[in-house]
Amino acid sequence: MSTRTYRLEDPDLLRRLMQRTGDGRAVSIRGLAEAADVHHSTIGHLLTGQQERASENLAQAIADRVGVDLAILWIQDGRTARSLRRLVTTA
């Protein structure tokens, strides 16, 4: 079982991807929650920014349902993510 966490890069991007998923159809908050096996409030909190982080399993399930690679929506938390943020802010 993975203990890695991921940070949602852009809630608005997730919202747009939910409007037209990889199969061409929209998915609701409840539909995405069902696919990811979480309560619908978790998806709502991710979309509003109340929650920024998710387990690797949840992040992957969300990416899979909307039809994109994990790295399109999520940044792995940890040293690598902190280093990338430092590079962006100093550039």
N, C-alpha and C. Protein backbone atom coordinates (compact mmCIF):
# COMPACT_ATOMS: atom_id res chain seq x y z
N MET A 1 0.84 -1.18 0.00
CA MET A 1 0.00 0.00 0.00
C MET A 1 0.88 1.24 0.00
N SER A 2 0.59 2.16 -0.88
CA SER A 2 1.38 3.37 -1.02
C SER A 2 0.98 4.41 0.02
N THR A 3 1.97 5.12 0.56
CA THR A 3 1.69 6.20 1.50
C THR A 3 1.99 7.55 0.87
N ARG A 4 2.29 7.57 -0.42
CA ARG A 4 2.57 8.83 -1.09
C ARG A 4 1.31 9.68 -1.18
N THR A 5 1.50 10.98 -1.08
CA THR A 5 0.39 11.89 -1.27
C THR A 5 0.67 12.79 -2.47
N TYR A 6 -0.40 13.27 -3.03
CA TYR A 6 -0.32 14.12 -4.21
C TYR A 6 -1.13 15.38 -3.96
N ARG A 7 -0.67 16.48 -4.55
CA ARG A 7 -1.35 17.76 -4.44
C ARG A 7 -2.02 18.07 -5.77
N LEU A 8 -3.29 18.45 -5.72
CA LEU A 8 -4.02 18.81 -6.92
C LEU A 8 -3.46 20.12 -7.44
N GLU A 9 -2.95 20.10 -8.66
CA GLU A 9 -2.31 21.28 -9.24
C GLU A 9 -3.31 22.40 -9.53
N ASP A 10 -4.48 22.05 -10.07
CA ASP A 10 -5.42 23.08 -10.53
C ASP A 10 -6.86 22.56 -10.45
N PRO A 11 -7.59 22.96 -9.41
CA PRO A 11 -8.98 22.50 -9.28
C PRO A 11 -9.83 22.86 -10.51
N ASP A 12 -9.57 23.99 -11.13
CA ASP A 12 -10.34 24.38 -12.31
C ASP A 12 -10.10 23.41 -13.48
N LEU A 13 -8.89 22.91 -13.60
CA LEU A 13 -8.60 21.93 -14.63
C LEU A 13 -9.40 20.65 -14.38
N LEU A 14 -9.45 20.21 -13.14
CA LEU A 14 -10.24 19.02 -12.81
C LEU A 14 -11.71 19.27 -13.19
N ARG A 15 -12.22 20.44 -12.84
CA ARG A 15 -13.61 20.77 -13.16
C ARG A 15 -13.85 20.72 -14.68
N ARG A 16 -12.91 21.26 -15.47
CA ARG A 16 -13.05 21.23 -16.93
C ARG A 16 -12.98 19.80 -17.46
N LEU A 17 -12.08 19.00 -16.91
CA LEU A 17 -11.96 17.62 -17.36
C LEU A 17 -13.19 16.80 -17.00
N MET A 18 -13.85 17.16 -15.93
CA MET A 18 -15.08 16.47 -15.54
C MET A 18 -16.20 16.75 -16.55
N GLN A 19 -16.14 17.89 -17.22
CA GLN A 19 -17.16 18.24 -18.20
C GLN A 19 -17.05 17.41 -19.47
N ARG A 20 -15.84 16.97 -19.76
CA ARG A 20 -15.64 16.10 -20.93
C ARG A 20 -14.49 15.16 -20.63
N THR A 21 -14.82 13.98 -20.18
CA THR A 21 -13.83 13.00 -19.77
C THR A 21 -13.23 12.31 -20.99
N GLY A 22 -12.35 11.39 -20.74
CA GLY A 22 -11.69 10.65 -21.81
C GLY A 22 -12.65 9.90 -22.71
N ASP A 23 -13.83 9.55 -22.20
CA ASP A 23 -14.82 8.86 -23.03
C ASP A 23 -15.79 9.84 -23.69
N GLY A 24 -15.54 11.15 -23.52
CA GLY A 24 -16.34 12.17 -24.18
C GLY A 24 -17.58 12.61 -23.42
N ARG A 25 -17.85 11.97 -22.29
CA ARG A 25 -19.03 12.30 -21.50
C ARG A 25 -18.64 13.01 -20.21
N ALA A 26 -19.56 13.80 -19.70
CA ALA A 26 -19.33 14.47 -18.42
C ALA A 26 -19.48 13.49 -17.27
N VAL A 27 -18.83 13.81 -16.16
CA VAL A 27 -19.01 13.05 -14.93
C VAL A 27 -19.32 14.05 -13.82
N SER A 28 -20.30 13.72 -13.01
CA SER A 28 -20.70 14.58 -11.90
C SER A 28 -19.76 14.38 -10.72
N ILE A 29 -19.92 15.24 -9.74
CA ILE A 29 -19.15 15.08 -8.50
C ILE A 29 -19.46 13.72 -7.87
N ARG A 30 -20.72 13.38 -7.82
CA ARG A 30 -21.10 12.08 -7.23
C ARG A 30 -20.59 10.91 -8.08
N GLY A 31 -20.63 11.06 -9.40
CA GLY A 31 -20.13 10.01 -10.28
C GLY A 31 -18.64 9.81 -10.12
N LEU A 32 -17.91 10.92 -10.00
CA LEU A 32 -16.46 10.83 -9.81
C LEU A 32 -16.15 10.22 -8.45
N ALA A 33 -16.91 10.62 -7.44
CA ALA A 33 -16.71 10.06 -6.10
C ALA A 33 -16.97 8.56 -6.09
N GLU A 34 -18.01 8.14 -6.78
CA GLU A 34 -18.31 6.71 -6.85
C GLU A 34 -17.17 5.95 -7.53
N ALA A 35 -16.67 6.50 -8.63
CA ALA A 35 -15.57 5.85 -9.35
C ALA A 35 -14.31 5.78 -8.50
N ALA A 36 -14.10 6.79 -7.65
CA ALA A 36 -12.91 6.84 -6.81
C ALA A 36 -13.13 6.20 -5.44
N ASP A 37 -14.35 5.73 -5.18
CA ASP A 37 -14.71 5.08 -3.92
C ASP A 37 -14.48 5.99 -2.71
N VAL A 38 -14.95 7.24 -2.83
CA VAL A 38 -14.88 8.19 -1.72
C VAL A 38 -16.24 8.89 -1.60
N HIS A 39 -16.44 9.57 -0.50
CA HIS A 39 -17.66 10.35 -0.32
C HIS A 39 -17.63 11.54 -1.27
N HIS A 40 -18.79 11.94 -1.76
CA HIS A 40 -18.84 13.04 -2.72
C HIS A 40 -18.29 14.35 -2.16
N SER A 41 -18.32 14.52 -0.84
CA SER A 41 -17.78 15.75 -0.25
C SER A 41 -16.27 15.85 -0.47
N THR A 42 -15.59 14.73 -0.57
CA THR A 42 -14.15 14.75 -0.83
C THR A 42 -13.87 15.39 -2.18
N ILE A 43 -14.63 15.02 -3.19
CA ILE A 43 -14.46 15.62 -4.51
C ILE A 43 -14.84 17.09 -4.47
N GLY A 44 -15.91 17.41 -3.79
CA GLY A 44 -16.32 18.81 -3.63
C GLY A 44 -15.24 19.64 -2.97
N HIS A 45 -14.61 19.10 -1.94
CA HIS A 45 -13.54 19.82 -1.25
C HIS A 45 -12.32 20.01 -2.14
N LEU A 46 -12.02 19.04 -2.96
CA LEU A 46 -10.91 19.19 -3.91
C LEU A 46 -11.23 20.30 -4.92
N LEU A 47 -12.44 20.36 -5.37
CA LEU A 47 -12.83 21.36 -6.37
C LEU A 47 -12.87 22.77 -5.81
N THR A 48 -13.15 22.92 -4.52
CA THR A 48 -13.21 24.25 -3.91
C THR A 48 -11.88 24.67 -3.30
N GLY A 49 -10.93 23.75 -3.22
CA GLY A 49 -9.64 24.08 -2.62
C GLY A 49 -9.60 23.85 -1.12
N GLN A 50 -10.71 23.42 -0.52
CA GLN A 50 -10.70 23.11 0.91
C GLN A 50 -9.77 21.94 1.20
N GLN A 51 -9.60 21.07 0.23
CA GLN A 51 -8.68 19.95 0.34
C GLN A 51 -7.77 20.02 -0.87
N GLU A 52 -6.47 19.98 -0.64
CA GLU A 52 -5.51 20.06 -1.75
C GLU A 52 -4.82 18.74 -2.02
N ARG A 53 -4.80 17.86 -1.03
CA ARG A 53 -4.01 16.64 -1.13
C ARG A 53 -4.88 15.39 -1.12
N ALA A 54 -4.31 14.35 -1.73
CA ALA A 54 -5.01 13.06 -1.79
C ALA A 54 -3.98 11.95 -1.76
N SER A 55 -4.42 10.79 -1.34
CA SER A 55 -3.55 9.62 -1.39
C SER A 55 -3.25 9.29 -2.85
N GLU A 56 -2.22 8.52 -3.06
CA GLU A 56 -1.88 8.11 -4.42
C GLU A 56 -3.03 7.34 -5.06
N ASN A 57 -3.68 6.47 -4.29
CA ASN A 57 -4.79 5.68 -4.83
C ASN A 57 -5.95 6.57 -5.27
N LEU A 58 -6.29 7.56 -4.46
CA LEU A 58 -7.37 8.47 -4.83
C LEU A 58 -6.99 9.32 -6.03
N ALA A 59 -5.79 9.86 -6.02
CA ALA A 59 -5.33 10.68 -7.15
C ALA A 59 -5.37 9.89 -8.45
N GLN A 60 -4.91 8.65 -8.40
CA GLN A 60 -4.90 7.81 -9.60
C GLN A 60 -6.32 7.48 -10.06
N ALA A 61 -7.21 7.19 -9.11
CA ALA A 61 -8.59 6.87 -9.46
C ALA A 61 -9.28 8.05 -10.13
N ILE A 62 -9.03 9.25 -9.64
CA ILE A 62 -9.62 10.45 -10.24
C ILE A 62 -9.06 10.66 -11.64
N ALA A 63 -7.75 10.56 -11.78
CA ALA A 63 -7.13 10.72 -13.10
C ALA A 63 -7.65 9.68 -14.08
N ASP A 64 -7.76 8.45 -13.62
CA ASP A 64 -8.27 7.38 -14.49
C ASP A 64 -9.68 7.67 -14.96
N ARG A 65 -10.54 8.13 -14.04
CA ARG A 65 -11.95 8.35 -14.41
C ARG A 65 -12.12 9.49 -15.41
N VAL A 66 -11.30 10.55 -15.26
CA VAL A 66 -11.44 11.66 -16.21
C VAL A 66 -10.62 11.42 -17.48
N GLY A 67 -9.79 10.38 -17.46
CA GLY A 67 -9.09 9.97 -18.67
C GLY A 67 -7.79 10.67 -18.96
N VAL A 68 -7.03 11.01 -17.90
CA VAL A 68 -5.73 11.65 -18.10
C VAL A 68 -4.67 10.94 -17.27
N ASP A 69 -3.41 11.19 -17.61
CA ASP A 69 -2.32 10.67 -16.80
C ASP A 69 -2.30 11.37 -15.45
N LEU A 70 -1.81 10.70 -14.45
CA LEU A 70 -1.74 11.22 -13.09
C LEU A 70 -1.07 12.59 -13.05
N ALA A 71 0.03 12.76 -13.77
CA ALA A 71 0.81 14.00 -13.70
C ALA A 71 0.12 15.20 -14.34
N ILE A 72 -0.95 14.98 -15.06
CA ILE A 72 -1.70 16.11 -15.63
C ILE A 72 -2.41 16.89 -14.53
N LEU A 73 -2.91 16.19 -13.54
CA LEU A 73 -3.68 16.81 -12.46
C LEU A 73 -2.92 16.95 -11.14
N TRP A 74 -1.98 16.09 -10.90
CA TRP A 74 -1.41 15.95 -9.57
C TRP A 74 0.10 16.13 -9.57
N ILE A 75 0.62 16.68 -8.45
CA ILE A 75 2.06 16.78 -8.21
C ILE A 75 2.35 15.98 -6.95
N GLN A 76 3.32 15.10 -7.04
CA GLN A 76 3.66 14.28 -5.88
C GLN A 76 4.22 15.16 -4.77
N ASP A 77 3.68 15.02 -3.58
CA ASP A 77 4.19 15.75 -2.43
C ASP A 77 5.54 15.18 -2.01
N GLY A 78 6.33 16.00 -1.39
CA GLY A 78 7.61 15.54 -0.90
C GLY A 78 8.73 16.41 -1.42
N ARG A 79 9.93 15.90 -1.31
CA ARG A 79 11.11 16.68 -1.69
C ARG A 79 11.06 17.17 -3.12
N THR A 80 10.67 16.32 -4.04
CA THR A 80 10.64 16.69 -5.45
C THR A 80 9.69 17.86 -5.67
N ALA A 81 8.52 17.81 -5.08
CA ALA A 81 7.54 18.88 -5.25
C ALA A 81 8.05 20.18 -4.66
N ARG A 82 8.69 20.12 -3.49
CA ARG A 82 9.22 21.33 -2.88
C ARG A 82 10.33 21.93 -3.74
N SER A 83 11.17 21.07 -4.31
CA SER A 83 12.25 21.55 -5.17
C SER A 83 11.70 22.22 -6.41
N LEU A 84 10.67 21.64 -7.01
CA LEU A 84 10.07 22.24 -8.20
C LEU A 84 9.44 23.58 -7.88
N ARG A 85 8.77 23.70 -6.73
CA ARG A 85 8.16 24.97 -6.34
C ARG A 85 9.22 26.03 -6.13
N ARG A 86 10.37 25.67 -5.56
CA ARG A 86 11.46 26.61 -5.36
C ARG A 86 11.99 27.10 -6.69
N LEU A 87 12.14 26.19 -7.66
CA LEU A 87 12.62 26.58 -8.97
C LEU A 87 11.68 27.56 -9.65
N VAL A 88 10.40 27.33 -9.53
CA VAL A 88 9.42 28.20 -10.15
C VAL A 88 9.43 29.58 -9.52
N THR A 89 9.56 29.67 -8.20
CA THR A 89 9.50 30.96 -7.52
C THR A 89 10.79 31.75 -7.68
N THR A 90 11.91 31.09 -7.96
CA THR A 90 13.17 31.81 -8.13
C THR A 90 13.46 32.15 -9.57
N ALA A 91 12.72 31.55 -10.49
CA ALA A 91 12.99 31.80 -11.91
C ALA A 91 12.40 33.10 -12.38
